Amino acid sequence: MPFKTNPNLAHRKRAFLHFWGAAALLPFAFYAYSAPELNRINNQQIIHQQERQKALDDRIRSVCWYSHLKTRWF
């Protein structure tokens, strides 16, 4: 037979633990890699929402004198 399995069980156990340990850490590595970009996109969306809300508040404030009752804080 051209290929014989390794009879060294300790080595096989060590390789098994290395492999599955690395596999278990992969999701954390992908999260650490992608979190800043996701955070930047989320911040852009929040800033955009705040700008739209401010524009709406300014519009309401410019239309009527009691506009402070219609803002998002009330």
N, C-alpha and C. Protein backbone atom coordinates (compact mmCIF):
# COMPACT_ATOMS: atom_id res chain seq x y z
N MET A 1 0.85 -1.19 0.00
CA MET A 1 0.00 0.00 0.00
C MET A 1 0.90 1.25 0.00
N PRO A 2 0.60 2.18 -0.88
CA PRO A 2 1.48 3.35 -0.96
C PRO A 2 1.29 4.33 0.20
N PHE A 3 0.14 4.25 0.89
CA PHE A 3 -0.12 5.22 1.96
C PHE A 3 -0.48 4.48 3.23
N LYS A 4 0.25 4.76 4.31
CA LYS A 4 -0.06 4.17 5.60
C LYS A 4 -0.51 5.27 6.55
N THR A 5 -1.54 5.00 7.33
CA THR A 5 -1.99 5.99 8.31
C THR A 5 -0.95 6.10 9.41
N ASN A 6 -0.85 7.26 9.99
CA ASN A 6 0.13 7.50 11.03
C ASN A 6 -0.30 6.75 12.30
N PRO A 7 0.54 5.85 12.78
CA PRO A 7 0.15 5.13 14.00
C PRO A 7 0.29 5.97 15.27
N ASN A 8 0.88 7.17 15.13
CA ASN A 8 1.12 7.99 16.31
C ASN A 8 -0.18 8.72 16.67
N LEU A 9 -0.90 8.16 17.65
CA LEU A 9 -2.21 8.70 17.99
C LEU A 9 -2.08 10.08 18.63
N ALA A 10 -0.99 10.33 19.37
CA ALA A 10 -0.82 11.65 19.98
C ALA A 10 -0.69 12.73 18.90
N HIS A 11 0.04 12.40 17.85
CA HIS A 11 0.19 13.36 16.76
C HIS A 11 -1.16 13.62 16.07
N ARG A 12 -1.93 12.54 15.87
CA ARG A 12 -3.22 12.72 15.22
C ARG A 12 -4.16 13.54 16.11
N LYS A 13 -4.11 13.31 17.42
CA LYS A 13 -4.95 14.09 18.32
C LYS A 13 -4.55 15.56 18.29
N ARG A 14 -3.24 15.81 18.26
CA ARG A 14 -2.75 17.19 18.22
C ARG A 14 -3.18 17.88 16.92
N ALA A 15 -3.08 17.19 15.81
CA ALA A 15 -3.51 17.76 14.53
C ALA A 15 -5.02 18.02 14.54
N PHE A 16 -5.77 17.09 15.11
CA PHE A 16 -7.22 17.25 15.22
C PHE A 16 -7.56 18.50 16.03
N LEU A 17 -6.90 18.68 17.18
CA LEU A 17 -7.19 19.84 18.03
C LEU A 17 -6.75 21.14 17.37
N HIS A 18 -5.61 21.12 16.67
CA HIS A 18 -5.18 22.31 15.96
C HIS A 18 -6.20 22.71 14.90
N PHE A 19 -6.65 21.71 14.14
CA PHE A 19 -7.58 22.00 13.05
C PHE A 19 -8.89 22.58 13.57
N TRP A 20 -9.48 21.89 14.57
CA TRP A 20 -10.80 22.35 15.03
C TRP A 20 -10.68 23.60 15.89
N GLY A 21 -9.54 23.80 16.54
CA GLY A 21 -9.34 25.05 17.27
C GLY A 21 -9.27 26.23 16.31
N ALA A 22 -8.55 26.05 15.21
CA ALA A 22 -8.49 27.12 14.20
C ALA A 22 -9.86 27.34 13.58
N ALA A 23 -10.56 26.27 13.30
CA ALA A 23 -11.89 26.40 12.71
C ALA A 23 -12.84 27.13 13.65
N ALA A 24 -12.71 26.88 14.95
CA ALA A 24 -13.57 27.55 15.92
C ALA A 24 -13.25 29.03 16.03
N LEU A 25 -12.00 29.42 15.77
CA LEU A 25 -11.63 30.83 15.87
C LEU A 25 -11.89 31.62 14.59
N LEU A 26 -12.15 30.94 13.49
CA LEU A 26 -12.36 31.64 12.23
C LEU A 26 -13.50 32.67 12.29
N PRO A 27 -14.66 32.37 12.85
CA PRO A 27 -15.72 33.39 12.87
C PRO A 27 -15.29 34.66 13.59
N PHE A 28 -14.52 34.52 14.67
CA PHE A 28 -14.06 35.71 15.38
C PHE A 28 -13.09 36.52 14.52
N ALA A 29 -12.27 35.83 13.74
CA ALA A 29 -11.35 36.53 12.85
C ALA A 29 -12.12 37.30 11.78
N PHE A 30 -13.14 36.67 11.19
CA PHE A 30 -13.94 37.36 10.18
C PHE A 30 -14.68 38.54 10.80
N TYR A 31 -15.18 38.36 12.03
CA TYR A 31 -15.88 39.47 12.69
C TYR A 31 -14.90 40.63 12.95
N ALA A 32 -13.71 40.33 13.44
CA ALA A 32 -12.73 41.38 13.71
C ALA A 32 -12.33 42.09 12.42
N TYR A 33 -12.33 41.36 11.32
CA TYR A 33 -11.96 41.96 10.04
C TYR A 33 -13.08 42.85 9.50
N SER A 34 -14.34 42.45 9.69
CA SER A 34 -15.44 43.15 9.05
C SER A 34 -16.10 44.18 9.97
N ALA A 35 -15.84 44.13 11.28
CA ALA A 35 -16.55 45.03 12.20
C ALA A 35 -16.30 46.51 11.91
N PRO A 36 -15.07 46.98 11.64
CA PRO A 36 -14.90 48.41 11.38
C PRO A 36 -15.68 48.89 10.16
N GLU A 37 -15.72 48.08 9.11
CA GLU A 37 -16.46 48.48 7.91
C GLU A 37 -17.96 48.53 8.20
N LEU A 38 -18.47 47.53 8.92
CA LEU A 38 -19.89 47.54 9.27
C LEU A 38 -20.20 48.73 10.16
N ASN A 39 -19.29 49.05 11.08
CA ASN A 39 -19.49 50.19 11.97
C ASN A 39 -19.51 51.49 11.17
N ARG A 40 -18.64 51.61 10.17
CA ARG A 40 -18.60 52.82 9.35
C ARG A 40 -19.90 52.97 8.55
N ILE A 41 -20.39 51.86 8.00
CA ILE A 41 -21.64 51.92 7.23
C ILE A 41 -22.79 52.31 8.15
N ASN A 42 -22.84 51.72 9.35
CA ASN A 42 -23.91 52.03 10.29
C ASN A 42 -23.85 53.49 10.71
N ASN A 43 -22.64 54.02 10.95
CA ASN A 43 -22.51 55.42 11.32
C ASN A 43 -22.98 56.32 10.19
N GLN A 44 -22.68 55.97 8.95
CA GLN A 44 -23.16 56.76 7.82
C GLN A 44 -24.68 56.78 7.77
N GLN A 45 -25.30 55.62 8.01
CA GLN A 45 -26.76 55.56 8.00
C GLN A 45 -27.35 56.42 9.13
N ILE A 46 -26.74 56.38 10.32
CA ILE A 46 -27.24 57.17 11.44
C ILE A 46 -27.10 58.65 11.15
N ILE A 47 -25.96 59.05 10.58
CA ILE A 47 -25.75 60.46 10.25
C ILE A 47 -26.77 60.90 9.21
N HIS A 48 -27.03 60.06 8.23
CA HIS A 48 -28.01 60.40 7.21
C HIS A 48 -29.40 60.57 7.83
N GLN A 49 -29.78 59.66 8.74
CA GLN A 49 -31.08 59.77 9.40
C GLN A 49 -31.16 61.05 10.22
N GLN A 50 -30.07 61.39 10.92
CA GLN A 50 -30.07 62.61 11.72
C GLN A 50 -30.20 63.85 10.84
N GLU A 51 -29.52 63.84 9.69
CA GLU A 51 -29.63 64.98 8.78
C GLU A 51 -31.05 65.13 8.25
N ARG A 52 -31.67 64.01 7.88
CA ARG A 52 -33.06 64.07 7.38
C ARG A 52 -33.99 64.57 8.49
N GLN A 53 -33.78 64.08 9.72
CA GLN A 53 -34.65 64.52 10.81
C GLN A 53 -34.46 66.00 11.09
N LYS A 54 -33.22 66.48 11.04
CA LYS A 54 -32.95 67.89 11.26
C LYS A 54 -33.60 68.74 10.15
N ALA A 55 -33.52 68.27 8.91
CA ALA A 55 -34.17 69.00 7.82
C ALA A 55 -35.68 69.05 8.02
N LEU A 56 -36.25 67.93 8.48
CA LEU A 56 -37.69 67.91 8.74
C LEU A 56 -38.05 68.85 9.89
N ASP A 57 -37.24 68.84 10.94
CA ASP A 57 -37.49 69.74 12.07
C ASP A 57 -37.39 71.20 11.64
N ASP A 58 -36.39 71.52 10.82
CA ASP A 58 -36.25 72.90 10.34
C ASP A 58 -37.45 73.30 9.50
N ARG A 59 -37.95 72.36 8.69
CA ARG A 59 -39.12 72.65 7.87
C ARG A 59 -40.33 72.93 8.76
N ILE A 60 -40.54 72.06 9.76
CA ILE A 60 -41.67 72.25 10.66
C ILE A 60 -41.51 73.57 11.40
N ARG A 61 -40.30 73.84 11.87
CA ARG A 61 -40.04 75.06 12.63
C ARG A 61 -40.27 76.32 11.79
N SER A 62 -39.98 76.22 10.49
CA SER A 62 -40.14 77.39 9.63
C SER A 62 -41.60 77.60 9.23
N VAL A 63 -42.43 76.55 9.33
CA VAL A 63 -43.81 76.68 8.86
C VAL A 63 -44.69 77.34 9.91
N CYS A 64 -44.56 76.97 11.17
CA CYS A 64 -45.49 77.50 12.16
C CYS A 64 -44.76 77.86 13.45
N TRP A 65 -45.32 78.78 14.20
CA TRP A 65 -44.64 79.31 15.38
C TRP A 65 -44.68 78.34 16.55
N TYR A 66 -45.63 77.39 16.55
CA TYR A 66 -45.69 76.43 17.66
C TYR A 66 -45.01 75.11 17.27
N SER A 67 -44.01 75.21 16.37
CA SER A 67 -43.37 74.00 15.86
C SER A 67 -42.61 73.23 16.93
N HIS A 68 -42.24 73.89 18.04
CA HIS A 68 -41.49 73.16 19.06
C HIS A 68 -42.34 72.07 19.69
N LEU A 69 -43.66 72.11 19.50
CA LEU A 69 -44.52 71.05 20.01
C LEU A 69 -44.55 69.84 19.06
N LYS A 70 -44.13 70.04 17.82
CA LYS A 70 -44.24 68.98 16.82
C LYS A 70 -42.93 68.25 16.58
N THR A 71 -41.87 68.63 17.25
CA THR A 71 -40.58 67.99 16.98
C THR A 71 -40.56 66.59 17.58
N ARG A 72 -39.50 65.87 17.28
CA ARG A 72 -39.43 64.47 17.71
C ARG A 72 -39.27 64.32 19.20
N TRP A 73 -38.97 65.39 19.94
CA TRP A 73 -38.79 65.24 21.38
C TRP A 73 -40.10 65.30 22.14
N PHE A 74 -41.19 65.62 21.44
CA PHE A 74 -42.50 65.72 22.12
C PHE A 74 -43.50 64.78 21.50
